Amino acid sequence: EEAEVTALVERVQEWIGQGVRPSEIAICTRFNILLGRVAAR
């Protein structure tokens, strides 16, 4: 899961680097526990 979250953060940064505004990006998970870890990272 650690590697998954790391790659996810890199993907979001890549989208932002391409000119996508943060508010135009969404991340969803089935449960809030993983969502909290993503938010922290």
PDB file of all heavy atoms in Angstrom:
ATOM      1  N   GLU A   1       0.831  -1.206   0.000  1.00  0.00           N
ATOM      2  CA  GLU A   1       0.000   0.000   0.000  1.00  0.00           C
ATOM      3  C   GLU A   1       0.863   1.252   0.000  1.00  0.00           C
ATOM      4  O   GLU A   1       0.512   2.265  -0.616  1.00  0.00           O
ATOM      5  CB  GLU A   1      -0.926  -0.019   1.206  1.00  0.00           C
ATOM      6  CG  GLU A   1      -1.961   1.094   1.197  1.00  0.00           C
ATOM      7  CD  GLU A   1      -2.889   1.014   2.384  1.00  0.00           C
ATOM      8  OE1 GLU A   1      -3.914   0.303   2.285  1.00  0.00           O
ATOM      9  OE2 GLU A   1      -2.586   1.663   3.416  1.00  0.00           O
ATOM     10  N   GLU A   2       2.017   1.195   0.683  1.00  0.00           N
ATOM     11  CA  GLU A   2       2.934   2.330   0.716  1.00  0.00           C
ATOM     12  C   GLU A   2       3.401   2.691  -0.688  1.00  0.00           C
ATOM     13  O   GLU A   2       3.411   3.861  -1.081  1.00  0.00           O
ATOM     14  CB  GLU A   2       4.136   1.992   1.604  1.00  0.00           C
ATOM     15  CG  GLU A   2       5.217   3.055   1.647  1.00  0.00           C
ATOM     16  CD  GLU A   2       4.797   4.302   2.404  1.00  0.00           C
ATOM     17  OE1 GLU A   2       3.812   4.222   3.170  1.00  0.00           O
ATOM     18  OE2 GLU A   2       5.440   5.354   2.224  1.00  0.00           O
ATOM     19  N   ALA A   3       3.766   1.682  -1.463  1.00  0.00           N
ATOM     20  CA  ALA A   3       4.210   1.931  -2.836  1.00  0.00           C
ATOM     21  C   ALA A   3       3.064   2.468  -3.686  1.00  0.00           C
ATOM     22  O   ALA A   3       3.265   3.345  -4.548  1.00  0.00           O
ATOM     23  CB  ALA A   3       4.757   0.638  -3.438  1.00  0.00           C
ATOM     24  N   GLU A   4       1.858   1.975  -3.442  1.00  0.00           N
ATOM     25  CA  GLU A   4       0.693   2.448  -4.196  1.00  0.00           C
ATOM     26  C   GLU A   4       0.427   3.919  -3.937  1.00  0.00           C
ATOM     27  O   GLU A   4       0.195   4.707  -4.873  1.00  0.00           O
ATOM     28  CB  GLU A   4      -0.544   1.620  -3.837  1.00  0.00           C
ATOM     29  CG  GLU A   4      -1.797   2.058  -4.593  1.00  0.00           C
ATOM     30  CD  GLU A   4      -3.063   1.360  -4.126  1.00  0.00           C
ATOM     31  OE1 GLU A   4      -2.992   0.587  -3.155  1.00  0.00           O
ATOM     32  OE2 GLU A   4      -4.133   1.604  -4.724  1.00  0.00           O
ATOM     33  N   VAL A   5       0.470   4.322  -2.660  1.00  0.00           N
ATOM     34  CA  VAL A   5       0.197   5.720  -2.315  1.00  0.00           C
ATOM     35  C   VAL A   5       1.291   6.627  -2.868  1.00  0.00           C
ATOM     36  O   VAL A   5       1.014   7.729  -3.364  1.00  0.00           O
ATOM     37  CB  VAL A   5       0.060   5.870  -0.789  1.00  0.00           C
ATOM     38  CG1 VAL A   5      -0.072   7.348  -0.409  1.00  0.00           C
ATOM     39  CG2 VAL A   5      -1.145   5.089  -0.280  1.00  0.00           C
ATOM     40  N   THR A   6       2.549   6.168  -2.815  1.00  0.00           N
ATOM     41  CA  THR A   6       3.658   6.961  -3.362  1.00  0.00           C
ATOM     42  C   THR A   6       3.450   7.222  -4.852  1.00  0.00           C
ATOM     43  O   THR A   6       3.599   8.357  -5.336  1.00  0.00           O
ATOM     44  CB  THR A   6       4.997   6.234  -3.137  1.00  0.00           C
ATOM     45  OG1 THR A   6       5.226   6.096  -1.724  1.00  0.00           O
ATOM     46  CG2 THR A   6       6.146   7.013  -3.758  1.00  0.00           C
ATOM     47  N   ALA A   7       3.094   6.179  -5.596  1.00  0.00           N
ATOM     48  CA  ALA A   7       2.865   6.326  -7.032  1.00  0.00           C
ATOM     49  C   ALA A   7       1.656   7.216  -7.313  1.00  0.00           C
ATOM     50  O   ALA A   7       1.650   7.988  -8.284  1.00  0.00           O
ATOM     51  CB  ALA A   7       2.665   4.950  -7.668  1.00  0.00           C
ATOM     52  N   LEU A   8       0.648   7.125  -6.458  1.00  0.00           N
ATOM     53  CA  LEU A   8      -0.551   7.941  -6.636  1.00  0.00           C
ATOM     54  C   LEU A   8      -0.225   9.428  -6.483  1.00  0.00           C
ATOM     55  O   LEU A   8      -0.686  10.262  -7.277  1.00  0.00           O
ATOM     56  CB  LEU A   8      -1.615   7.526  -5.620  1.00  0.00           C
ATOM     57  CG  LEU A   8      -2.918   8.327  -5.592  1.00  0.00           C
ATOM     58  CD1 LEU A   8      -3.590   8.318  -6.956  1.00  0.00           C
ATOM     59  CD2 LEU A   8      -3.866   7.768  -4.536  1.00  0.00           C
ATOM     60  N   VAL A   9       0.577   9.761  -5.473  1.00  0.00           N
ATOM     61  CA  VAL A   9       0.978  11.158  -5.276  1.00  0.00           C
ATOM     62  C   VAL A   9       1.753  11.660  -6.496  1.00  0.00           C
ATOM     63  O   VAL A   9       1.544  12.788  -6.970  1.00  0.00           O
ATOM     64  CB  VAL A   9       1.815  11.301  -3.993  1.00  0.00           C
ATOM     65  CG1 VAL A   9       2.412  12.710  -3.889  1.00  0.00           C
ATOM     66  CG2 VAL A   9       0.966  10.991  -2.762  1.00  0.00           C
ATOM     67  N   GLU A  10       2.628  10.810  -7.028  1.00  0.00           N
ATOM     68  CA  GLU A  10       3.400  11.207  -8.212  1.00  0.00           C
ATOM     69  C   GLU A  10       2.483  11.434  -9.411  1.00  0.00           C
ATOM     70  O   GLU A  10       2.702  12.364 -10.199  1.00  0.00           O
ATOM     71  CB  GLU A  10       4.438  10.117  -8.531  1.00  0.00           C
ATOM     72  CG  GLU A  10       5.547  10.016  -7.488  1.00  0.00           C
ATOM     73  CD  GLU A  10       6.472   8.835  -7.738  1.00  0.00           C
ATOM     74  OE1 GLU A  10       6.171   8.034  -8.663  1.00  0.00           O
ATOM     75  OE2 GLU A  10       7.480   8.707  -7.020  1.00  0.00           O
ATOM     76  N   ARG A  11       1.453  10.609  -9.554  1.00  0.00           N
ATOM     77  CA  ARG A  11       0.521  10.786 -10.670  1.00  0.00           C
ATOM     78  C   ARG A  11      -0.241  12.102 -10.550  1.00  0.00           C
ATOM     79  O   ARG A  11      -0.428  12.818 -11.540  1.00  0.00           O
ATOM     80  CB  ARG A  11      -0.452   9.600 -10.729  1.00  0.00           C
ATOM     81  CG  ARG A  11      -1.515   9.687 -11.830  1.00  0.00           C
ATOM     82  CD  ARG A  11      -0.914   9.893 -13.213  1.00  0.00           C
ATOM     83  NE  ARG A  11      -0.017   8.828 -13.587  1.00  0.00           N
ATOM     84  CZ  ARG A  11      -0.286   7.904 -14.495  1.00  0.00           C
ATOM     85  NH1 ARG A  11      -1.445   7.920 -15.127  1.00  0.00           N
ATOM     86  NH2 ARG A  11       0.603   6.979 -14.795  1.00  0.00           N
ATOM     87  N   VAL A  12      -0.673  12.446  -9.332  1.00  0.00           N
ATOM     88  CA  VAL A  12      -1.382  13.708  -9.118  1.00  0.00           C
ATOM     89  C   VAL A  12      -0.471  14.887  -9.444  1.00  0.00           C
ATOM     90  O   VAL A  12      -0.884  15.857 -10.101  1.00  0.00           O
ATOM     91  CB  VAL A  12      -1.896  13.794  -7.669  1.00  0.00           C
ATOM     92  CG1 VAL A  12      -2.424  15.196  -7.371  1.00  0.00           C
ATOM     93  CG2 VAL A  12      -2.991  12.762  -7.428  1.00  0.00           C
ATOM     94  N   GLN A  13       0.781  14.823  -8.997  1.00  0.00           N
ATOM     95  CA  GLN A  13       1.733  15.902  -9.297  1.00  0.00           C
ATOM     96  C   GLN A  13       1.971  16.015 -10.799  1.00  0.00           C
ATOM     97  O   GLN A  13       2.140  17.124 -11.332  1.00  0.00           O
ATOM     98  CB  GLN A  13       3.047  15.639  -8.560  1.00  0.00           C
ATOM     99  CG  GLN A  13       2.944  15.788  -7.044  1.00  0.00           C
ATOM    100  CD  GLN A  13       4.209  15.375  -6.327  1.00  0.00           C
ATOM    101  OE1 GLN A  13       4.869  14.398  -6.712  1.00  0.00           O
ATOM    102  NE2 GLN A  13       4.564  16.102  -5.275  1.00  0.00           N
ATOM    103  N   GLU A  14       1.978  14.880 -11.489  1.00  0.00           N
ATOM    104  CA  GLU A  14       2.140  14.889 -12.944  1.00  0.00           C
ATOM    105  C   GLU A  14       0.960  15.593 -13.610  1.00  0.00           C
ATOM    106  O   GLU A  14       1.152  16.409 -14.523  1.00  0.00           O
ATOM    107  CB  GLU A  14       2.256  13.447 -13.436  1.00  0.00           C
ATOM    108  CG  GLU A  14       2.422  13.305 -14.941  1.00  0.00           C
ATOM    109  CD  GLU A  14       2.461  11.854 -15.378  1.00  0.00           C
ATOM    110  OE1 GLU A  14       2.972  11.023 -14.602  1.00  0.00           O
ATOM    111  OE2 GLU A  14       1.965  11.549 -16.488  1.00  0.00           O
ATOM    112  N   TRP A  15      -0.276  15.294 -13.170  1.00  0.00           N
ATOM    113  CA  TRP A  15      -1.453  15.969 -13.725  1.00  0.00           C
ATOM    114  C   TRP A  15      -1.382  17.473 -13.501  1.00  0.00           C
ATOM    115  O   TRP A  15      -1.659  18.262 -14.404  1.00  0.00           O
ATOM    116  CB  TRP A  15      -2.726  15.396 -13.090  1.00  0.00           C
ATOM    117  CG  TRP A  15      -3.128  14.060 -13.628  1.00  0.00           C
ATOM    118  CD1 TRP A  15      -2.815  13.540 -14.857  1.00  0.00           C
ATOM    119  CD2 TRP A  15      -3.914  13.065 -12.956  1.00  0.00           C
ATOM    120  NE1 TRP A  15      -3.366  12.281 -14.991  1.00  0.00           N
ATOM    121  CE2 TRP A  15      -4.049  11.969 -13.857  1.00  0.00           C
ATOM    122  CE3 TRP A  15      -4.527  13.000 -11.709  1.00  0.00           C
ATOM    123  CZ2 TRP A  15      -4.764  10.824 -13.513  1.00  0.00           C
ATOM    124  CZ3 TRP A  15      -5.245  11.862 -11.375  1.00  0.00           C
ATOM    125  CH2 TRP A  15      -5.354  10.780 -12.267  1.00  0.00           C
ATOM    126  N   ILE A  16      -1.032  17.869 -12.289  1.00  0.00           N
ATOM    127  CA  ILE A  16      -0.939  19.301 -11.978  1.00  0.00           C
ATOM    128  C   ILE A  16       0.135  19.951 -12.852  1.00  0.00           C
ATOM    129  O   ILE A  16      -0.045  21.073 -13.350  1.00  0.00           O
ATOM    130  CB  ILE A  16      -0.651  19.506 -10.478  1.00  0.00           C
ATOM    131  CG1 ILE A  16      -1.857  19.025  -9.648  1.00  0.00           C
ATOM    132  CG2 ILE A  16      -0.347  20.972 -10.179  1.00  0.00           C
ATOM    133  CD1 ILE A  16      -1.612  19.041  -8.156  1.00  0.00           C
ATOM    134  N   GLY A  17       1.260  19.241 -13.053  1.00  0.00           N
ATOM    135  CA  GLY A  17       2.322  19.761 -13.907  1.00  0.00           C
ATOM    136  C   GLY A  17       1.896  19.934 -15.345  1.00  0.00           C
ATOM    137  O   GLY A  17       2.474  20.741 -16.086  1.00  0.00           O
ATOM    138  N   GLN A  18       0.860  19.204 -15.758  1.00  0.00           N
ATOM    139  CA  GLN A  18       0.341  19.324 -17.125  1.00  0.00           C
ATOM    140  C   GLN A  18      -0.701  20.436 -17.258  1.00  0.00           C
ATOM    141  O   GLN A  18      -1.282  20.601 -18.327  1.00  0.00           O
ATOM    142  CB  GLN A  18      -0.276  17.989 -17.551  1.00  0.00           C
ATOM    143  CG  GLN A  18       0.747  16.867 -17.689  1.00  0.00           C
ATOM    144  CD  GLN A  18       0.100  15.500 -17.867  1.00  0.00           C
ATOM    145  OE1 GLN A  18      -1.117  15.355 -17.714  1.00  0.00           O
ATOM    146  NE2 GLN A  18       0.906  14.495 -18.185  1.00  0.00           N
ATOM    147  N   GLY A  19      -0.934  21.161 -16.170  1.00  0.00           N
ATOM    148  CA  GLY A  19      -1.861  22.288 -16.231  1.00  0.00           C
ATOM    149  C   GLY A  19      -3.246  22.024 -15.686  1.00  0.00           C
ATOM    150  O   GLY A  19      -4.131  22.887 -15.773  1.00  0.00           O
ATOM    151  N   VAL A  20      -3.463  20.837 -15.116  1.00  0.00           N
ATOM    152  CA  VAL A  20      -4.764  20.526 -14.520  1.00  0.00           C
ATOM    153  C   VAL A  20      -4.822  21.147 -13.126  1.00  0.00           C
ATOM    154  O   VAL A  20      -3.914  20.943 -12.316  1.00  0.00           O
ATOM    155  CB  VAL A  20      -4.987  18.998 -14.421  1.00  0.00           C
ATOM    156  CG1 VAL A  20      -6.358  18.700 -13.830  1.00  0.00           C
ATOM    157  CG2 VAL A  20      -4.842  18.360 -15.794  1.00  0.00           C
ATOM    158  N   ARG A  21      -5.876  21.890 -12.841  1.00  0.00           N
ATOM    159  CA  ARG A  21      -6.010  22.494 -11.513  1.00  0.00           C
ATOM    160  C   ARG A  21      -6.321  21.412 -10.479  1.00  0.00           C
ATOM    161  O   ARG A  21      -7.037  20.449 -10.779  1.00  0.00           O
ATOM    162  CB  ARG A  21      -7.121  23.548 -11.504  1.00  0.00           C
ATOM    163  CG  ARG A  21      -6.819  24.764 -12.370  1.00  0.00           C
ATOM    164  CD  ARG A  21      -7.788  25.909 -12.065  1.00  0.00           C
ATOM    165  NE  ARG A  21      -9.163  25.531 -12.314  1.00  0.00           N
ATOM    166  CZ  ARG A  21      -9.785  25.682 -13.479  1.00  0.00           C
ATOM    167  NH1 ARG A  21      -9.125  26.194 -14.516  1.00  0.00           N
ATOM    168  NH2 ARG A  21     -11.044  25.325 -13.627  1.00  0.00           N
ATOM    169  N   PRO A  22      -5.813  21.567  -9.250  1.00  0.00           N
ATOM    170  CA  PRO A  22      -6.108  20.561  -8.210  1.00  0.00           C
ATOM    171  C   PRO A  22      -7.596  20.293  -8.039  1.00  0.00           C
ATOM    172  O   PRO A  22      -8.003  19.152  -7.818  1.00  0.00           O
ATOM    173  CB  PRO A  22      -5.492  21.186  -6.946  1.00  0.00           C
ATOM    174  CG  PRO A  22      -4.354  22.011  -7.467  1.00  0.00           C
ATOM    175  CD  PRO A  22      -4.850  22.587  -8.767  1.00  0.00           C
ATOM    176  N   SER A  23      -8.435  21.326  -8.165  1.00  0.00           N
ATOM    177  CA  SER A  23      -9.877  21.152  -7.986  1.00  0.00           C
ATOM    178  C   SER A  23     -10.511  20.341  -9.107  1.00  0.00           C
ATOM    179  O   SER A  23     -11.665  19.921  -9.001  1.00  0.00           O
ATOM    180  CB  SER A  23     -10.570  22.514  -7.893  1.00  0.00           C
ATOM    181  OG  SER A  23     -10.360  23.265  -9.079  1.00  0.00           O
ATOM    182  N   GLU A  24      -9.763  20.108 -10.207  1.00  0.00           N
ATOM    183  CA  GLU A  24     -10.261  19.303 -11.320  1.00  0.00           C
ATOM    184  C   GLU A  24      -9.821  17.840 -11.214  1.00  0.00           C
ATOM    185  O   GLU A  24     -10.036  17.066 -12.128  1.00  0.00           O
ATOM    186  CB  GLU A  24      -9.773  19.885 -12.649  1.00  0.00           C
ATOM    187  CG  GLU A  24     -10.288  21.283 -12.933  1.00  0.00           C
ATOM    188  CD  GLU A  24      -9.695  21.888 -14.183  1.00  0.00           C
ATOM    189  OE1 GLU A  24      -8.467  21.766 -14.392  1.00  0.00           O
ATOM    190  OE2 GLU A  24     -10.456  22.476 -14.973  1.00  0.00           O
ATOM    191  N   ILE A  25      -9.203  17.499 -10.079  1.00  0.00           N
ATOM    192  CA  ILE A  25      -8.705  16.147  -9.833  1.00  0.00           C
ATOM    193  C   ILE A  25      -9.456  15.552  -8.650  1.00  0.00           C
ATOM    194  O   ILE A  25      -9.702  16.230  -7.654  1.00  0.00           O
ATOM    195  CB  ILE A  25      -7.189  16.163  -9.534  1.00  0.00           C
ATOM    196  CG1 ILE A  25      -6.420  16.737 -10.726  1.00  0.00           C
ATOM    197  CG2 ILE A  25      -6.685  14.769  -9.179  1.00  0.00           C
ATOM    198  CD1 ILE A  25      -4.950  16.986 -10.439  1.00  0.00           C
ATOM    199  N   ALA A  26      -9.813  14.285  -8.741  1.00  0.00           N
ATOM    200  CA  ALA A  26     -10.462  13.596  -7.621  1.00  0.00           C
ATOM    201  C   ALA A  26      -9.769  12.266  -7.364  1.00  0.00           C
ATOM    202  O   ALA A  26      -9.321  11.598  -8.301  1.00  0.00           O
ATOM    203  CB  ALA A  26     -11.940  13.358  -7.905  1.00  0.00           C
ATOM    204  N   ILE A  27      -9.676  11.914  -6.083  1.00  0.00           N
ATOM    205  CA  ILE A  27      -9.167  10.608  -5.676  1.00  0.00           C
ATOM    206  C   ILE A  27     -10.244   9.959  -4.825  1.00  0.00           C
ATOM    207  O   ILE A  27     -10.771  10.577  -3.891  1.00  0.00           O
ATOM    208  CB  ILE A  27      -7.868  10.734  -4.863  1.00  0.00           C
ATOM    209  CG1 ILE A  27      -6.775  11.397  -5.700  1.00  0.00           C
ATOM    210  CG2 ILE A  27      -7.403   9.358  -4.369  1.00  0.00           C
ATOM    211  CD1 ILE A  27      -5.523  11.710  -4.915  1.00  0.00           C
ATOM    212  N   CYS A  28     -10.583   8.717  -5.155  1.00  0.00           N
ATOM    213  CA  CYS A  28     -11.593   8.028  -4.362  1.00  0.00           C
ATOM    214  C   CYS A  28     -11.109   6.641  -3.962  1.00  0.00           C
ATOM    215  O   CYS A  28     -10.317   6.016  -4.676  1.00  0.00           O
ATOM    216  CB  CYS A  28     -12.931   7.953  -5.091  1.00  0.00           C
ATOM    217  SG  CYS A  28     -12.927   6.904  -6.550  1.00  0.00           S
ATOM    218  N   THR A  29     -11.561   6.203  -2.802  1.00  0.00           N
ATOM    219  CA  THR A  29     -11.254   4.875  -2.292  1.00  0.00           C
ATOM    220  C   THR A  29     -12.538   4.277  -1.740  1.00  0.00           C
ATOM    221  O   THR A  29     -13.514   4.991  -1.505  1.00  0.00           O
ATOM    222  CB  THR A  29     -10.205   4.934  -1.169  1.00  0.00           C
ATOM    223  OG1 THR A  29     -10.737   5.712  -0.083  1.00  0.00           O
ATOM    224  CG2 THR A  29      -8.912   5.574  -1.656  1.00  0.00           C
ATOM    225  N   ARG A  30     -12.528   2.980  -1.484  1.00  0.00           N
ATOM    226  CA  ARG A  30     -13.723   2.353  -0.923  1.00  0.00           C
ATOM    227  C   ARG A  30     -13.916   2.763   0.545  1.00  0.00           C
ATOM    228  O   ARG A  30     -15.033   2.960   1.006  1.00  0.00           O
ATOM    229  CB  ARG A  30     -13.626   0.829  -1.038  1.00  0.00           C
ATOM    230  CG  ARG A  30     -14.842   0.081  -0.474  1.00  0.00           C
ATOM    231  CD  ARG A  30     -16.092   0.468  -1.259  1.00  0.00           C
ATOM    232  NE  ARG A  30     -17.304  -0.017  -0.633  1.00  0.00           N
ATOM    233  CZ  ARG A  30     -17.883  -1.187  -0.881  1.00  0.00           C
ATOM    234  NH1 ARG A  30     -17.332  -2.001  -1.752  1.00  0.00           N
ATOM    235  NH2 ARG A  30     -18.995  -1.532  -0.294  1.00  0.00           N
ATOM    236  N   PHE A  31     -12.786   2.911   1.273  1.00  0.00           N
ATOM    237  CA  PHE A  31     -12.866   3.176   2.708  1.00  0.00           C
ATOM    238  C   PHE A  31     -12.099   4.437   3.089  1.00  0.00           C
ATOM    239  O   PHE A  31     -11.125   4.823   2.432  1.00  0.00           O
ATOM    240  CB  PHE A  31     -12.324   1.980   3.501  1.00  0.00           C
ATOM    241  CG  PHE A  31     -12.967   0.675   3.141  1.00  0.00           C
ATOM    242  CD1 PHE A  31     -12.225  -0.340   2.536  1.00  0.00           C
ATOM    243  CD2 PHE A  31     -14.308   0.459   3.372  1.00  0.00           C
ATOM    244  CE1 PHE A  31     -12.815  -1.535   2.188  1.00  0.00           C
ATOM    245  CE2 PHE A  31     -14.917  -0.730   3.019  1.00  0.00           C
ATOM    246  CZ  PHE A  31     -14.165  -1.728   2.425  1.00  0.00           C
ATOM    247  N   ASN A  32     -12.518   5.057   4.182  1.00  0.00           N
ATOM    248  CA  ASN A  32     -11.912   6.304   4.639  1.00  0.00           C
ATOM    249  C   ASN A  32     -10.498   6.125   5.179  1.00  0.00           C
ATOM    250  O   ASN A  32      -9.719   7.082   5.190  1.00  0.00           O
ATOM    251  CB  ASN A  32     -12.792   6.947   5.711  1.00  0.00           C
ATOM    252  CG  ASN A  32     -13.952   7.717   5.100  1.00  0.00           C
ATOM    253  OD1 ASN A  32     -13.752   8.584   4.254  1.00  0.00           O
ATOM    254  ND2 ASN A  32     -15.172   7.385   5.517  1.00  0.00           N
ATOM    255  N   ILE A  33     -10.150   4.916   5.639  1.00  0.00           N
ATOM    256  CA  ILE A  33      -8.810   4.708   6.207  1.00  0.00           C
ATOM    257  C   ILE A  33      -7.734   4.984   5.163  1.00  0.00           C
ATOM    258  O   ILE A  33      -6.791   5.751   5.396  1.00  0.00           O
ATOM    259  CB  ILE A  33      -8.678   3.275   6.763  1.00  0.00           C
ATOM    260  CG1 ILE A  33      -9.601   3.087   7.970  1.00  0.00           C
ATOM    261  CG2 ILE A  33      -7.230   2.979   7.152  1.00  0.00           C
ATOM    262  CD1 ILE A  33      -9.602   1.677   8.521  1.00  0.00           C
ATOM    263  N   LEU A  34      -7.870   4.363   3.986  1.00  0.00           N
ATOM    264  CA  LEU A  34      -6.902   4.602   2.915  1.00  0.00           C
ATOM    265  C   LEU A  34      -6.980   6.049   2.436  1.00  0.00           C
ATOM    266  O   LEU A  34      -5.953   6.666   2.128  1.00  0.00           O
ATOM    267  CB  LEU A  34      -7.155   3.639   1.759  1.00  0.00           C
ATOM    268  CG  LEU A  34      -6.258   3.815   0.522  1.00  0.00           C
ATOM    269  CD1 LEU A  34      -4.790   3.720   0.892  1.00  0.00           C
ATOM    270  CD2 LEU A  34      -6.612   2.778  -0.550  1.00  0.00           C
ATOM    271  N   LEU A  35      -8.168   6.608   2.394  1.00  0.00           N
ATOM    272  CA  LEU A  35      -8.327   7.990   1.947  1.00  0.00           C
ATOM    273  C   LEU A  35      -7.561   8.933   2.869  1.00  0.00           C
ATOM    274  O   LEU A  35      -6.942   9.899   2.412  1.00  0.00           O
ATOM    275  CB  LEU A  35      -9.813   8.355   1.920  1.00  0.00           C
ATOM    276  CG  LEU A  35     -10.208   9.553   1.057  1.00  0.00           C
ATOM    277  CD1 LEU A  35      -9.891   9.290  -0.413  1.00  0.00           C
ATOM    278  CD2 LEU A  35     -11.692   9.851   1.215  1.00  0.00           C
ATOM    279  N   GLY A  36      -7.589   8.645   4.169  1.00  0.00           N
ATOM    280  CA  GLY A  36      -6.849   9.463   5.126  1.00  0.00           C
ATOM    281  C   GLY A  36      -5.346   9.397   4.895  1.00  0.00           C
ATOM    282  O   GLY A  36      -4.641  10.410   5.004  1.00  0.00           O
ATOM    283  N   ARG A  37      -4.840   8.197   4.566  1.00  0.00           N
ATOM    284  CA  ARG A  37      -3.404   8.064   4.294  1.00  0.00           C
ATOM    285  C   ARG A  37      -3.010   8.819   3.038  1.00  0.00           C
ATOM    286  O   ARG A  37      -1.949   9.451   2.978  1.00  0.00           O
ATOM    287  CB  ARG A  37      -3.055   6.585   4.162  1.00  0.00           C
ATOM    288  CG  ARG A  37      -3.181   5.817   5.478  1.00  0.00           C
ATOM    289  CD  ARG A  37      -3.074   4.326   5.269  1.00  0.00           C
ATOM    290  NE  ARG A  37      -3.280   3.617   6.528  1.00  0.00           N
ATOM    291  CZ  ARG A  37      -3.607   2.344   6.625  1.00  0.00           C
ATOM    292  NH1 ARG A  37      -3.783   1.619   5.520  1.00  0.00           N
ATOM    293  NH2 ARG A  37      -3.771   1.776   7.811  1.00  0.00           N
ATOM    294  N   VAL A  38      -3.867   8.774   2.031  1.00  0.00           N
ATOM    295  CA  VAL A  38      -3.603   9.514   0.794  1.00  0.00           C
ATOM    296  C   VAL A  38      -3.586  11.014   1.079  1.00  0.00           C
ATOM    297  O   VAL A  38      -2.710  11.742   0.595  1.00  0.00           O
ATOM    298  CB  VAL A  38      -4.661   9.176  -0.273  1.00  0.00           C
ATOM    299  CG1 VAL A  38      -4.534  10.105  -1.473  1.00  0.00           C
ATOM    300  CG2 VAL A  38      -4.541   7.725  -0.706  1.00  0.00           C
ATOM    301  N   ALA A  39      -4.551  11.476   1.879  1.00  0.00           N
ATOM    302  CA  ALA A  39      -4.618  12.908   2.215  1.00  0.00           C
ATOM    303  C   ALA A  39      -3.354  13.364   2.924  1.00  0.00           C
ATOM    304  O   ALA A  39      -2.803  14.441   2.623  1.00  0.00           O
ATOM    305  CB  ALA A  39      -5.848  13.167   3.093  1.00  0.00           C
ATOM    306  N   ALA A  40      -2.872  12.554   3.862  1.00  0.00           N
ATOM    307  CA  ALA A  40      -1.670  12.921   4.615  1.00  0.00           C
ATOM    308  C   ALA A  40      -0.453  13.014   3.701  1.00  0.00           C
ATOM    309  O   ALA A  40       0.356  13.957   3.804  1.00  0.00           O
ATOM    310  CB  ALA A  40      -1.434  11.908   5.731  1.00  0.00           C
ATOM    311  N   ARG A  41      -0.311  12.056   2.776  1.00  0.00           N
ATOM    312  CA  ARG A  41       0.848  12.063   1.882  1.00  0.00           C
ATOM    313  C   ARG A  41       0.786  13.229   0.893  1.00  0.00           C
ATOM    314  O   ARG A  41       1.814  13.837   0.570  1.00  0.00           O
ATOM    315  CB  ARG A  41       0.916  10.732   1.131  1.00  0.00           C
ATOM    316  CG  ARG A  41       1.332   9.561   2.007  1.00  0.00           C
ATOM    317  CD  ARG A  41       2.806   9.662   2.414  1.00  0.00           C
ATOM    318  NE  ARG A  41       3.659   9.635   1.247  1.00  0.00           N
ATOM    319  CZ  ARG A  41       4.035   8.514   0.631  1.00  0.00           C
ATOM    320  NH1 ARG A  41       3.648   7.340   1.109  1.00  0.00           N
ATOM    321  NH2 ARG A  41       4.811   8.568  -0.431  1.00  0.00           N
TER     322      ARG A  41
END
